[in-house]
C-alpha cells in the first residue's frame, strides 16, 4: 500500500519516533508502514488521518 506518511511527517519536522509516539506504535512500525512493508490496521489508519487532519484515502492508496 502506498502512503504519504513520510512526506506528511517531514512537513511537520517530526521524527519517526515522534510520529510513533503520537500514534501509540513503535518506531519500527512507522518505518515499516512508510516503506510499504506493512499495511496499517484500520484503527491505526483512522488515527493517522485524524492526526494529520486528512481523509484516510489522502494518506493511504491501494496499489491495484
N, C-alpha and C. Protein backbone atom coordinates (compact mmCIF):
# COMPACT_ATOMS: atom_id res chain seq x y z
N UNK A 1 0.85 -1.17 0.00
CA UNK A 1 0.00 0.00 0.00
C UNK A 1 0.89 1.24 0.00
N UNK A 2 0.68 2.12 -0.95
CA UNK A 2 1.41 3.38 -0.98
C UNK A 2 0.87 4.30 0.11
N UNK A 3 1.72 5.18 0.58
CA UNK A 3 1.25 6.14 1.57
C UNK A 3 2.12 7.40 1.54
N UNK A 4 1.59 8.44 2.17
CA UNK A 4 2.27 9.73 2.23
C UNK A 4 2.79 10.04 3.63
N UNK A 5 2.90 9.03 4.47
CA UNK A 5 3.30 9.28 5.86
C UNK A 5 4.64 9.99 5.97
N UNK A 6 5.61 9.55 5.21
CA UNK A 6 6.95 10.15 5.32
C UNK A 6 6.92 11.63 4.94
N UNK A 7 6.20 11.96 3.88
CA UNK A 7 6.09 13.36 3.44
C UNK A 7 5.36 14.19 4.49
N UNK A 8 4.24 13.68 4.97
CA UNK A 8 3.46 14.41 5.97
C UNK A 8 4.26 14.59 7.26
N UNK A 9 5.00 13.58 7.64
CA UNK A 9 5.84 13.65 8.83
C UNK A 9 6.94 14.69 8.64
N UNK A 10 7.57 14.66 7.48
CA UNK A 10 8.67 15.60 7.19
C UNK A 10 8.18 17.05 7.17
N UNK A 11 6.97 17.26 6.65
CA UNK A 11 6.40 18.61 6.62
C UNK A 11 6.26 19.21 8.01
N UNK A 12 6.14 18.35 9.00
CA UNK A 12 5.98 18.80 10.38
C UNK A 12 7.28 18.69 11.19
N UNK A 13 8.36 18.30 10.51
CA UNK A 13 9.66 18.11 11.17
C UNK A 13 9.58 17.11 12.32
N UNK A 14 8.78 16.06 12.14
CA UNK A 14 8.66 15.01 13.13
C UNK A 14 9.60 13.87 12.77
N UNK A 15 10.20 13.27 13.76
CA UNK A 15 10.98 12.05 13.56
C UNK A 15 10.01 10.87 13.51
N UNK A 16 10.52 9.73 13.08
CA UNK A 16 9.70 8.53 13.13
C UNK A 16 9.30 8.22 14.57
N UNK A 17 10.21 8.48 15.49
CA UNK A 17 9.93 8.22 16.91
C UNK A 17 8.79 9.12 17.41
N UNK A 18 8.77 10.38 17.00
CA UNK A 18 7.72 11.30 17.41
C UNK A 18 6.37 10.85 16.84
N UNK A 19 6.35 10.50 15.56
CA UNK A 19 5.09 10.03 14.96
C UNK A 19 4.63 8.75 15.64
N UNK A 20 5.56 7.86 15.92
CA UNK A 20 5.22 6.60 16.59
C UNK A 20 4.58 6.88 17.95
N UNK A 21 5.15 7.82 18.68
CA UNK A 21 4.60 8.19 19.99
C UNK A 21 3.18 8.72 19.85
N UNK A 22 2.96 9.59 18.87
CA UNK A 22 1.64 10.17 18.66
C UNK A 22 0.61 9.14 18.23
N UNK A 23 1.07 8.11 17.51
CA UNK A 23 0.16 7.06 17.05
C UNK A 23 0.10 5.87 18.01
N UNK A 24 0.92 5.91 19.05
CA UNK A 24 0.99 4.84 20.04
C UNK A 24 1.40 3.50 19.42
N UNK A 25 2.43 3.57 18.58
CA UNK A 25 3.03 2.37 17.97
C UNK A 25 4.55 2.50 18.10
N UNK A 26 5.27 1.47 17.70
CA UNK A 26 6.73 1.54 17.75
C UNK A 26 7.29 2.30 16.54
N UNK A 27 8.52 2.78 16.69
CA UNK A 27 9.18 3.45 15.58
C UNK A 27 9.36 2.48 14.42
N UNK A 28 9.59 1.22 14.73
CA UNK A 28 9.75 0.20 13.69
C UNK A 28 8.47 0.03 12.88
N UNK A 29 7.33 0.17 13.53
CA UNK A 29 6.04 0.08 12.82
C UNK A 29 5.91 1.25 11.85
N UNK A 30 6.24 2.44 12.30
CA UNK A 30 6.18 3.62 11.41
C UNK A 30 7.11 3.42 10.23
N UNK A 31 8.32 2.95 10.49
CA UNK A 31 9.28 2.71 9.42
C UNK A 31 8.74 1.70 8.41
N UNK A 32 8.18 0.62 8.89
CA UNK A 32 7.65 -0.43 8.00
C UNK A 32 6.48 0.08 7.17
N UNK A 33 5.62 0.90 7.77
CA UNK A 33 4.48 1.46 7.02
C UNK A 33 5.00 2.42 5.95
N UNK A 34 5.94 3.29 6.33
CA UNK A 34 6.49 4.25 5.37
C UNK A 34 7.13 3.55 4.18
N UNK A 35 7.79 2.43 4.43
CA UNK A 35 8.46 1.70 3.35
C UNK A 35 7.53 0.76 2.59
N UNK A 36 6.26 0.69 3.00
CA UNK A 36 5.31 -0.17 2.32
C UNK A 36 5.46 -1.64 2.65
N UNK A 37 6.18 -1.94 3.72
CA UNK A 37 6.38 -3.34 4.13
C UNK A 37 5.27 -3.82 5.05
N UNK A 38 4.46 -2.90 5.54
CA UNK A 38 3.40 -3.23 6.49
C UNK A 38 2.22 -2.31 6.21
N UNK A 39 1.03 -2.88 6.12
CA UNK A 39 -0.18 -2.08 5.97
C UNK A 39 -0.79 -1.84 7.34
N UNK A 40 -1.17 -0.60 7.62
CA UNK A 40 -1.73 -0.30 8.94
C UNK A 40 -3.10 -0.94 9.11
N UNK A 41 -3.45 -1.21 10.36
CA UNK A 41 -4.80 -1.66 10.65
C UNK A 41 -5.75 -0.49 10.38
N UNK A 42 -7.01 -0.78 10.25
CA UNK A 42 -7.99 0.28 10.02
C UNK A 42 -8.01 1.29 11.17
N UNK A 43 -8.00 0.83 12.43
CA UNK A 43 -7.96 1.81 13.53
C UNK A 43 -6.71 2.71 13.48
N UNK A 44 -5.57 2.13 13.10
CA UNK A 44 -4.35 2.94 13.00
C UNK A 44 -4.44 3.92 11.84
N UNK A 45 -5.02 3.51 10.75
CA UNK A 45 -5.20 4.41 9.61
C UNK A 45 -6.11 5.58 9.98
N UNK A 46 -7.18 5.30 10.72
CA UNK A 46 -8.07 6.37 11.18
C UNK A 46 -7.34 7.31 12.14
N UNK A 47 -6.52 6.75 13.00
CA UNK A 47 -5.76 7.57 13.96
C UNK A 47 -4.80 8.50 13.21
N UNK A 48 -4.12 7.98 12.20
CA UNK A 48 -3.20 8.80 11.41
C UNK A 48 -3.97 9.90 10.67
N UNK A 49 -5.12 9.55 10.12
CA UNK A 49 -5.93 10.53 9.40
C UNK A 49 -6.36 11.66 10.32
N UNK A 50 -6.81 11.32 11.51
CA UNK A 50 -7.20 12.36 12.48
C UNK A 50 -6.00 13.22 12.87
N UNK A 51 -4.86 12.58 13.09
CA UNK A 51 -3.65 13.30 13.50
C UNK A 51 -3.25 14.34 12.45
N UNK A 52 -3.31 13.96 11.17
CA UNK A 52 -2.91 14.87 10.10
C UNK A 52 -4.07 15.72 9.57
N UNK A 53 -5.27 15.48 10.05
CA UNK A 53 -6.42 16.26 9.60
C UNK A 53 -6.79 15.98 8.15
N UNK A 54 -6.59 14.73 7.72
CA UNK A 54 -6.86 14.34 6.34
C UNK A 54 -7.76 13.12 6.31
N UNK A 55 -8.33 12.85 5.16
CA UNK A 55 -9.07 11.61 4.96
C UNK A 55 -8.08 10.46 4.80
N UNK A 56 -8.49 9.27 5.17
CA UNK A 56 -7.61 8.10 5.05
C UNK A 56 -7.08 7.98 3.63
N UNK A 57 -7.95 8.15 2.65
CA UNK A 57 -7.53 7.99 1.25
C UNK A 57 -6.57 9.09 0.77
N UNK A 58 -6.44 10.16 1.56
CA UNK A 58 -5.45 11.19 1.23
C UNK A 58 -4.07 10.82 1.77
N UNK A 59 -3.99 9.80 2.61
CA UNK A 59 -2.72 9.34 3.17
C UNK A 59 -2.32 7.99 2.58
N UNK A 60 -3.29 7.09 2.49
CA UNK A 60 -3.03 5.73 2.05
C UNK A 60 -3.72 5.46 0.72
N UNK A 61 -3.00 4.77 -0.18
CA UNK A 61 -3.54 4.47 -1.52
C UNK A 61 -3.27 3.00 -1.84
N UNK A 62 -4.32 2.32 -2.23
CA UNK A 62 -4.20 0.91 -2.58
C UNK A 62 -3.42 0.78 -3.90
N UNK A 63 -2.53 -0.17 -3.98
CA UNK A 63 -1.73 -0.39 -5.19
C UNK A 63 -2.36 -1.49 -6.03
N UNK A 64 -3.38 -1.15 -6.75
CA UNK A 64 -4.05 -2.16 -7.58
C UNK A 64 -3.60 -2.08 -9.00
